[in-house]
N, C-alpha and C. Protein backbone atom coordinates (compact mmCIF):
# COMPACT_ATOMS: atom_id res chain seq x y z
N MET A 1 3.43 8.55 18.41
CA MET A 1 2.14 8.79 17.81
C MET A 1 1.39 7.46 17.68
N PRO A 2 0.10 7.48 17.90
CA PRO A 2 -0.66 6.24 17.79
C PRO A 2 -0.86 5.83 16.33
N ILE A 3 -0.89 4.53 16.12
CA ILE A 3 -1.17 3.98 14.79
C ILE A 3 -2.65 3.61 14.77
N ILE A 4 -3.37 4.08 13.76
CA ILE A 4 -4.81 3.81 13.64
C ILE A 4 -5.11 3.23 12.27
N VAL A 5 -6.32 2.69 12.12
CA VAL A 5 -6.83 2.24 10.83
C VAL A 5 -7.81 3.31 10.36
N THR A 6 -7.59 3.85 9.16
CA THR A 6 -8.43 4.95 8.69
C THR A 6 -9.85 4.49 8.38
N LYS A 7 -10.80 5.36 8.67
CA LYS A 7 -12.21 5.06 8.40
C LYS A 7 -12.67 5.65 7.09
N LYS A 8 -11.87 6.58 6.54
CA LYS A 8 -12.18 7.15 5.23
C LYS A 8 -10.90 7.53 4.52
N ALA A 9 -10.95 7.65 3.22
CA ALA A 9 -9.78 8.01 2.41
C ALA A 9 -9.41 9.46 2.67
N GLY A 10 -8.14 9.78 2.46
CA GLY A 10 -7.68 11.14 2.66
C GLY A 10 -6.32 11.35 2.03
N THR A 11 -5.65 12.41 2.46
CA THR A 11 -4.34 12.77 1.94
C THR A 11 -3.33 12.78 3.07
N CYS A 12 -2.13 12.30 2.79
CA CYS A 12 -1.05 12.31 3.77
C CYS A 12 -0.65 13.76 4.04
N THR A 13 -0.52 14.11 5.31
CA THR A 13 -0.21 15.49 5.67
C THR A 13 1.28 15.76 5.83
N ALA A 14 2.13 14.75 5.58
CA ALA A 14 3.57 14.97 5.68
C ALA A 14 4.02 15.95 4.61
N GLU A 15 4.89 16.87 4.99
CA GLU A 15 5.38 17.86 4.03
C GLU A 15 6.15 17.16 2.93
N GLY A 16 5.78 17.43 1.69
CA GLY A 16 6.45 16.83 0.55
C GLY A 16 5.82 15.55 0.06
N CYS A 17 4.86 14.99 0.79
CA CYS A 17 4.24 13.75 0.33
C CYS A 17 2.94 14.05 -0.40
N GLY A 18 1.91 14.32 0.34
CA GLY A 18 0.61 14.61 -0.28
C GLY A 18 0.00 13.40 -0.95
N GLY A 19 0.53 12.20 -0.68
CA GLY A 19 0.02 10.98 -1.29
C GLY A 19 -1.34 10.58 -0.74
N ARG A 20 -1.99 9.69 -1.44
CA ARG A 20 -3.33 9.24 -1.08
C ARG A 20 -3.27 8.21 0.04
N ILE A 21 -4.14 8.35 1.03
CA ILE A 21 -4.33 7.37 2.09
C ILE A 21 -5.68 6.71 1.84
N LEU A 22 -5.70 5.40 1.78
CA LEU A 22 -6.91 4.66 1.47
C LEU A 22 -7.66 4.26 2.73
N LYS A 23 -8.96 4.04 2.60
CA LYS A 23 -9.78 3.57 3.71
C LYS A 23 -9.26 2.20 4.15
N GLY A 24 -9.09 2.02 5.46
CA GLY A 24 -8.62 0.76 6.02
C GLY A 24 -7.11 0.65 6.11
N GLU A 25 -6.38 1.69 5.70
CA GLU A 25 -4.91 1.68 5.74
C GLU A 25 -4.42 2.03 7.14
N TYR A 26 -3.31 1.44 7.57
CA TYR A 26 -2.68 1.79 8.84
C TYR A 26 -1.89 3.07 8.66
N VAL A 27 -2.12 4.06 9.53
CA VAL A 27 -1.44 5.35 9.46
C VAL A 27 -1.09 5.81 10.88
N GLU A 28 -0.18 6.77 10.95
CA GLU A 28 0.09 7.44 12.23
C GLU A 28 -0.78 8.68 12.30
N TYR A 29 -1.32 8.94 13.48
CA TYR A 29 -2.21 10.09 13.63
C TYR A 29 -1.90 10.85 14.92
N SER A 30 -1.91 12.16 14.80
CA SER A 30 -1.92 13.03 15.98
C SER A 30 -2.71 14.27 15.59
N ALA A 31 -3.27 14.92 16.58
CA ALA A 31 -4.06 16.12 16.31
C ALA A 31 -3.21 17.22 15.68
N ALA A 32 -1.92 17.27 16.06
CA ALA A 32 -1.03 18.33 15.55
C ALA A 32 -0.64 18.11 14.09
N THR A 33 -0.44 16.84 13.69
CA THR A 33 0.06 16.59 12.34
C THR A 33 -0.96 15.96 11.41
N GLY A 34 -2.05 15.42 11.94
CA GLY A 34 -3.03 14.75 11.10
C GLY A 34 -2.60 13.34 10.78
N THR A 35 -3.13 12.77 9.69
CA THR A 35 -2.80 11.40 9.30
C THR A 35 -1.61 11.39 8.34
N ARG A 36 -0.70 10.44 8.57
CA ARG A 36 0.49 10.29 7.73
C ARG A 36 0.73 8.82 7.46
N HIS A 37 1.26 8.51 6.27
CA HIS A 37 1.71 7.15 6.00
C HIS A 37 2.74 6.77 7.05
N LEU A 38 2.86 5.50 7.36
CA LEU A 38 3.83 5.06 8.37
C LEU A 38 5.25 5.43 7.96
N GLU A 39 5.57 5.33 6.65
CA GLU A 39 6.93 5.67 6.19
C GLU A 39 7.18 7.17 6.15
N CYS A 40 6.15 8.00 6.26
CA CYS A 40 6.30 9.45 6.23
C CYS A 40 6.40 10.07 7.62
N ALA A 41 6.19 9.29 8.65
CA ALA A 41 6.09 9.83 10.00
C ALA A 41 7.31 10.62 10.42
N GLY A 42 8.51 10.14 10.12
CA GLY A 42 9.72 10.83 10.56
C GLY A 42 10.46 11.51 9.43
N ALA A 43 9.88 11.56 8.25
CA ALA A 43 10.58 12.13 7.10
C ALA A 43 10.68 13.65 7.20
N ALA A 44 11.81 14.17 6.78
CA ALA A 44 11.99 15.63 6.74
C ALA A 44 11.19 16.19 5.57
N GLN A 45 11.12 17.48 5.49
CA GLN A 45 10.35 18.12 4.43
C GLN A 45 10.85 17.70 3.05
N GLY A 46 9.95 17.18 2.24
CA GLY A 46 10.28 16.81 0.87
C GLY A 46 11.04 15.52 0.71
N ARG A 47 11.33 14.82 1.78
CA ARG A 47 12.09 13.57 1.68
C ARG A 47 11.31 12.42 2.29
N ARG A 48 11.45 11.25 1.69
CA ARG A 48 10.83 10.03 2.17
C ARG A 48 11.84 8.90 2.06
N PRO A 49 11.65 7.83 2.84
CA PRO A 49 12.56 6.69 2.69
C PRO A 49 12.41 6.06 1.32
N ASN A 50 13.50 5.52 0.79
CA ASN A 50 13.50 4.86 -0.51
C ASN A 50 13.13 3.39 -0.32
N LEU A 51 11.96 2.97 -0.80
CA LEU A 51 11.50 1.61 -0.60
C LEU A 51 11.76 0.71 -1.81
N LYS A 52 12.22 1.27 -2.93
CA LYS A 52 12.47 0.50 -4.14
C LYS A 52 13.88 0.79 -4.65
N ALA A 53 14.43 -0.16 -5.40
CA ALA A 53 15.74 0.06 -6.01
C ALA A 53 15.62 1.15 -7.07
N GLY A 54 16.67 1.91 -7.25
CA GLY A 54 16.64 2.99 -8.24
C GLY A 54 18.04 3.44 -8.59
N LYS A 55 18.10 4.49 -9.37
CA LYS A 55 19.38 5.05 -9.79
C LYS A 55 19.43 6.51 -9.36
N CYS A 56 20.49 6.88 -8.66
CA CYS A 56 20.68 8.24 -8.18
C CYS A 56 20.99 9.17 -9.36
N ARG A 57 20.82 10.46 -9.15
CA ARG A 57 21.12 11.42 -10.22
C ARG A 57 22.61 11.46 -10.55
N CYS A 58 23.47 10.96 -9.62
CA CYS A 58 24.91 10.89 -9.89
C CYS A 58 25.28 9.63 -10.66
N GLY A 59 24.32 8.72 -10.85
CA GLY A 59 24.55 7.51 -11.61
C GLY A 59 24.75 6.26 -10.77
N ALA A 60 24.85 6.40 -9.46
CA ALA A 60 25.06 5.24 -8.59
C ALA A 60 23.75 4.46 -8.42
N ALA A 61 23.87 3.13 -8.37
CA ALA A 61 22.71 2.28 -8.10
C ALA A 61 22.39 2.35 -6.61
N VAL A 62 21.11 2.49 -6.28
CA VAL A 62 20.67 2.59 -4.88
C VAL A 62 19.76 1.41 -4.59
N ALA A 63 20.12 0.62 -3.59
CA ALA A 63 19.33 -0.55 -3.20
C ALA A 63 18.09 -0.12 -2.42
N PRO A 64 17.07 -0.98 -2.34
CA PRO A 64 15.89 -0.67 -1.53
C PRO A 64 16.28 -0.40 -0.08
N ARG A 65 15.59 0.52 0.55
CA ARG A 65 15.80 0.93 1.95
C ARG A 65 17.13 1.64 2.18
N GLU A 66 17.81 2.05 1.11
CA GLU A 66 19.02 2.87 1.22
C GLU A 66 18.75 4.18 0.53
N GLY A 67 19.39 5.23 0.98
CA GLY A 67 19.18 6.54 0.38
C GLY A 67 17.83 7.13 0.74
N THR A 68 17.47 8.20 0.09
CA THR A 68 16.20 8.87 0.33
C THR A 68 15.57 9.26 -0.99
N LEU A 69 14.33 9.70 -0.92
CA LEU A 69 13.62 10.22 -2.08
C LEU A 69 13.42 11.71 -1.89
N LEU A 70 13.54 12.45 -2.95
CA LEU A 70 13.34 13.89 -2.92
C LEU A 70 12.23 14.23 -3.91
N LEU A 71 11.23 14.96 -3.47
CA LEU A 71 10.12 15.33 -4.33
C LEU A 71 10.50 16.55 -5.14
N GLU A 72 10.43 16.43 -6.47
CA GLU A 72 10.70 17.55 -7.37
C GLU A 72 9.38 17.93 -8.02
N GLU A 73 8.99 19.18 -7.84
CA GLU A 73 7.74 19.67 -8.41
C GLU A 73 8.06 20.72 -9.47
N SER A 74 7.33 20.66 -10.59
CA SER A 74 7.56 21.65 -11.64
C SER A 74 6.24 21.94 -12.35
N ALA A 75 6.18 23.12 -12.90
CA ALA A 75 5.02 23.53 -13.70
C ALA A 75 5.53 23.96 -15.05
N ARG A 76 4.97 23.37 -16.09
CA ARG A 76 5.41 23.70 -17.44
C ARG A 76 4.19 23.75 -18.35
N GLY A 77 3.97 24.87 -18.97
CA GLY A 77 2.86 25.01 -19.91
C GLY A 77 1.50 24.76 -19.28
N GLY A 78 1.32 25.14 -18.04
CA GLY A 78 0.04 24.95 -17.37
C GLY A 78 -0.15 23.56 -16.78
N HIS A 79 0.83 22.68 -16.95
CA HIS A 79 0.76 21.33 -16.39
C HIS A 79 1.64 21.26 -15.15
N PHE A 80 1.11 20.67 -14.09
CA PHE A 80 1.84 20.51 -12.85
C PHE A 80 2.35 19.08 -12.77
N ARG A 81 3.62 18.91 -12.38
CA ARG A 81 4.23 17.58 -12.36
C ARG A 81 4.98 17.37 -11.05
N LYS A 82 4.80 16.18 -10.45
CA LYS A 82 5.55 15.76 -9.26
C LYS A 82 6.35 14.54 -9.63
N GLN A 83 7.62 14.51 -9.23
CA GLN A 83 8.48 13.37 -9.52
C GLN A 83 9.38 13.11 -8.32
N TRP A 84 9.45 11.85 -7.89
CA TRP A 84 10.32 11.47 -6.79
C TRP A 84 11.68 11.08 -7.36
N LEU A 85 12.75 11.71 -6.89
CA LEU A 85 14.11 11.44 -7.32
C LEU A 85 14.83 10.66 -6.22
N VAL A 86 15.59 9.63 -6.60
CA VAL A 86 16.36 8.83 -5.64
C VAL A 86 17.70 9.51 -5.40
N LEU A 87 18.09 9.63 -4.13
CA LEU A 87 19.39 10.19 -3.76
C LEU A 87 20.17 9.16 -2.97
N CYS A 88 21.42 8.92 -3.35
CA CYS A 88 22.29 7.99 -2.62
C CYS A 88 22.85 8.70 -1.38
N ALA A 89 23.59 7.94 -0.57
CA ALA A 89 24.15 8.50 0.67
C ALA A 89 25.13 9.63 0.39
N ARG A 90 25.87 9.59 -0.72
CA ARG A 90 26.84 10.65 -1.06
C ARG A 90 26.16 11.94 -1.47
N CYS A 91 25.01 11.86 -2.12
CA CYS A 91 24.34 13.06 -2.68
C CYS A 91 23.37 13.72 -1.70
N ARG A 92 23.10 13.11 -0.58
CA ARG A 92 22.14 13.70 0.36
C ARG A 92 22.62 14.99 0.83
């Protein structure tokens, strides 16, 4: 997929991301998938690469660029919440 510089702000079309893309940001683009963050290009549904250190739900420490992120969405009392959870190699 070609890498382009965006001319206007938008939303990442990768499944599970939905993050904001800013004007002037480098993104991957194709007519079939739309614009995506570079780190979202190959991500499976609901998962993204882990770019920061974190703690897995099993308690293991996860270093940057190891493991994956899983998007957890919930609705409670009319409020919608998105939270990225870190998963280590054992919990994937």
